[in-house]
Amino acid sequence: MPPRAATNLSGSTRLTVSQRTFESISARAPYYMALNLLRIARNDYIGPDYGEKLVRGAKRLLRAG
């Protein structure tokens, strides 16, 4: 069954998904967050100290996930 969308008074849409879908997406979130931190850390305009901090944060996310 496709997800249902509900529009509230402000005009924004809230997507209603099953608990299983929510848990599946939530379980993958740390991986994608870590991936993005690593992508940022590899940029030349990021200083070495801050890059190391981003890598440590990515490792922490991957251990938690």
N, C-alpha and C. Protein backbone atom coordinates (compact mmCIF):
# COMPACT_ATOMS: atom_id res chain seq x y z
N MET A 1 0.85 -1.17 0.00
CA MET A 1 0.00 0.00 0.00
C MET A 1 0.90 1.24 0.00
N PRO A 2 0.65 2.20 -0.90
CA PRO A 2 1.47 3.42 -0.93
C PRO A 2 1.22 4.29 0.29
N PRO A 3 2.22 5.10 0.68
CA PRO A 3 2.03 5.98 1.83
C PRO A 3 0.94 7.00 1.57
N ARG A 4 0.29 7.42 2.62
CA ARG A 4 -0.76 8.43 2.52
C ARG A 4 -0.20 9.77 2.95
N ALA A 5 -0.64 10.82 2.31
CA ALA A 5 -0.21 12.17 2.67
C ALA A 5 -1.40 12.91 3.26
N ALA A 6 -1.13 13.66 4.30
CA ALA A 6 -2.17 14.48 4.92
C ALA A 6 -1.70 15.92 4.92
N THR A 7 -2.57 16.83 4.55
CA THR A 7 -2.23 18.26 4.53
C THR A 7 -2.79 18.90 5.78
N ASN A 8 -1.94 19.65 6.49
CA ASN A 8 -2.43 20.33 7.69
C ASN A 8 -2.83 21.77 7.35
N LEU A 9 -3.21 22.53 8.34
CA LEU A 9 -3.73 23.88 8.10
C LEU A 9 -2.69 24.83 7.52
N SER A 10 -1.41 24.59 7.77
CA SER A 10 -0.38 25.48 7.24
C SER A 10 -0.07 25.18 5.77
N GLY A 11 -0.66 24.13 5.25
CA GLY A 11 -0.44 23.77 3.86
C GLY A 11 0.69 22.79 3.63
N SER A 12 1.43 22.46 4.69
CA SER A 12 2.51 21.49 4.53
C SER A 12 1.93 20.07 4.55
N THR A 13 2.66 19.16 3.98
CA THR A 13 2.20 17.78 3.87
C THR A 13 2.97 16.88 4.83
N ARG A 14 2.26 16.04 5.52
CA ARG A 14 2.86 15.08 6.43
C ARG A 14 2.62 13.70 5.84
N LEU A 15 3.68 12.95 5.65
CA LEU A 15 3.60 11.63 5.06
C LEU A 15 3.36 10.59 6.16
N THR A 16 2.40 9.75 5.97
CA THR A 16 2.11 8.70 6.93
C THR A 16 2.67 7.39 6.39
N VAL A 17 3.59 6.78 7.16
CA VAL A 17 4.20 5.52 6.75
C VAL A 17 4.03 4.49 7.86
N SER A 18 4.24 3.24 7.50
CA SER A 18 4.11 2.18 8.50
C SER A 18 5.27 2.22 9.48
N GLN A 19 5.11 1.60 10.60
CA GLN A 19 6.15 1.53 11.62
C GLN A 19 7.39 0.83 11.05
N ARG A 20 7.17 -0.19 10.25
CA ARG A 20 8.28 -0.94 9.64
C ARG A 20 9.10 -0.04 8.70
N THR A 21 8.42 0.77 7.91
CA THR A 21 9.10 1.70 7.01
C THR A 21 9.88 2.73 7.80
N PHE A 22 9.26 3.27 8.84
CA PHE A 22 9.92 4.26 9.69
C PHE A 22 11.19 3.68 10.31
N GLU A 23 11.10 2.47 10.83
CA GLU A 23 12.26 1.84 11.45
C GLU A 23 13.36 1.55 10.44
N SER A 24 12.97 1.17 9.23
CA SER A 24 13.94 0.90 8.18
C SER A 24 14.71 2.17 7.81
N ILE A 25 13.99 3.26 7.63
CA ILE A 25 14.63 4.53 7.28
C ILE A 25 15.50 5.01 8.44
N SER A 26 14.99 4.91 9.65
CA SER A 26 15.74 5.36 10.83
C SER A 26 17.02 4.57 11.03
N ALA A 27 16.99 3.29 10.70
CA ALA A 27 18.18 2.45 10.86
C ALA A 27 19.28 2.85 9.87
N ARG A 28 18.91 3.37 8.71
CA ARG A 28 19.88 3.77 7.70
C ARG A 28 20.40 5.18 7.88
N ALA A 29 19.72 6.00 8.65
CA ALA A 29 20.08 7.41 8.80
C ALA A 29 21.53 7.61 9.27
N PRO A 30 22.01 6.89 10.29
CA PRO A 30 23.40 7.11 10.72
C PRO A 30 24.42 6.85 9.61
N TYR A 31 24.18 5.86 8.77
CA TYR A 31 25.08 5.56 7.67
C TYR A 31 25.17 6.75 6.71
N TYR A 32 24.03 7.27 6.32
CA TYR A 32 24.02 8.38 5.37
C TYR A 32 24.56 9.66 6.00
N MET A 33 24.32 9.87 7.28
CA MET A 33 24.89 11.03 7.96
C MET A 33 26.41 10.92 7.98
N ALA A 34 26.93 9.72 8.30
CA ALA A 34 28.38 9.51 8.32
C ALA A 34 28.97 9.70 6.93
N LEU A 35 28.30 9.18 5.92
CA LEU A 35 28.77 9.32 4.55
C LEU A 35 28.92 10.80 4.17
N ASN A 36 27.95 11.61 4.54
CA ASN A 36 28.01 13.03 4.22
C ASN A 36 29.11 13.74 5.00
N LEU A 37 29.34 13.35 6.26
CA LEU A 37 30.45 13.94 7.01
C LEU A 37 31.78 13.63 6.35
N LEU A 38 31.94 12.40 5.87
CA LEU A 38 33.18 12.03 5.19
C LEU A 38 33.34 12.77 3.87
N ARG A 39 32.25 12.98 3.16
CA ARG A 39 32.32 13.73 1.90
C ARG A 39 32.74 15.17 2.16
N ILE A 40 32.25 15.76 3.23
CA ILE A 40 32.64 17.12 3.57
C ILE A 40 34.11 17.16 3.99
N ALA A 41 34.54 16.18 4.78
CA ALA A 41 35.90 16.15 5.32
C ALA A 41 36.96 16.06 4.23
N ARG A 42 36.64 15.49 3.11
CA ARG A 42 37.65 15.31 2.06
C ARG A 42 37.87 16.57 1.20
N ASN A 43 37.07 17.60 1.40
CA ASN A 43 37.22 18.83 0.62
C ASN A 43 38.48 19.58 1.02
N ASP A 44 39.12 20.18 0.03
CA ASP A 44 40.37 20.92 0.26
C ASP A 44 40.17 22.16 1.14
N TYR A 45 38.98 22.74 1.12
CA TYR A 45 38.76 23.96 1.89
C TYR A 45 38.49 23.69 3.37
N ILE A 46 38.41 22.42 3.75
CA ILE A 46 38.24 22.05 5.16
C ILE A 46 39.63 21.88 5.76
N GLY A 47 39.89 22.56 6.85
CA GLY A 47 41.19 22.45 7.51
C GLY A 47 41.39 21.06 8.11
N PRO A 48 42.65 20.66 8.31
CA PRO A 48 42.94 19.32 8.82
C PRO A 48 42.31 19.04 10.19
N ASP A 49 42.33 20.02 11.07
CA ASP A 49 41.75 19.80 12.40
C ASP A 49 40.25 19.54 12.33
N TYR A 50 39.56 20.37 11.54
CA TYR A 50 38.12 20.20 11.41
C TYR A 50 37.80 18.92 10.64
N GLY A 51 38.61 18.60 9.64
CA GLY A 51 38.43 17.36 8.89
C GLY A 51 38.52 16.14 9.79
N GLU A 52 39.50 16.16 10.70
CA GLU A 52 39.63 15.05 11.66
C GLU A 52 38.42 14.96 12.57
N LYS A 53 37.90 16.11 12.96
CA LYS A 53 36.71 16.13 13.82
C LYS A 53 35.51 15.51 13.07
N LEU A 54 35.38 15.83 11.79
CA LEU A 54 34.29 15.27 11.00
C LEU A 54 34.45 13.75 10.85
N VAL A 55 35.68 13.29 10.65
CA VAL A 55 35.93 11.85 10.52
C VAL A 55 35.60 11.14 11.83
N ARG A 56 36.00 11.73 12.96
CA ARG A 56 35.66 11.13 14.26
C ARG A 56 34.15 11.03 14.44
N GLY A 57 33.45 12.09 14.04
CA GLY A 57 31.99 12.07 14.14
C GLY A 57 31.38 11.00 13.26
N ALA A 58 31.94 10.82 12.06
CA ALA A 58 31.45 9.78 11.16
C ALA A 58 31.68 8.39 11.76
N LYS A 59 32.85 8.17 12.33
CA LYS A 59 33.14 6.88 12.95
C LYS A 59 32.18 6.60 14.11
N ARG A 60 31.89 7.63 14.89
CA ARG A 60 30.96 7.46 16.00
C ARG A 60 29.58 7.07 15.51
N LEU A 61 29.13 7.72 14.44
CA LEU A 61 27.83 7.38 13.86
C LEU A 61 27.80 5.94 13.34
N LEU A 62 28.88 5.51 12.70
CA LEU A 62 28.91 4.16 12.15
C LEU A 62 28.95 3.10 13.27
N ARG A 63 29.62 3.41 14.36
CA ARG A 63 29.63 2.47 15.49
C ARG A 63 28.23 2.38 16.13
N ALA A 64 27.54 3.52 16.20
CA ALA A 64 26.21 3.57 16.82
C ALA A 64 25.16 2.88 15.96
N GLY A 65 25.36 2.95 14.64
CA GLY A 65 24.35 2.40 13.71
C GLY A 65 24.48 0.95 13.60
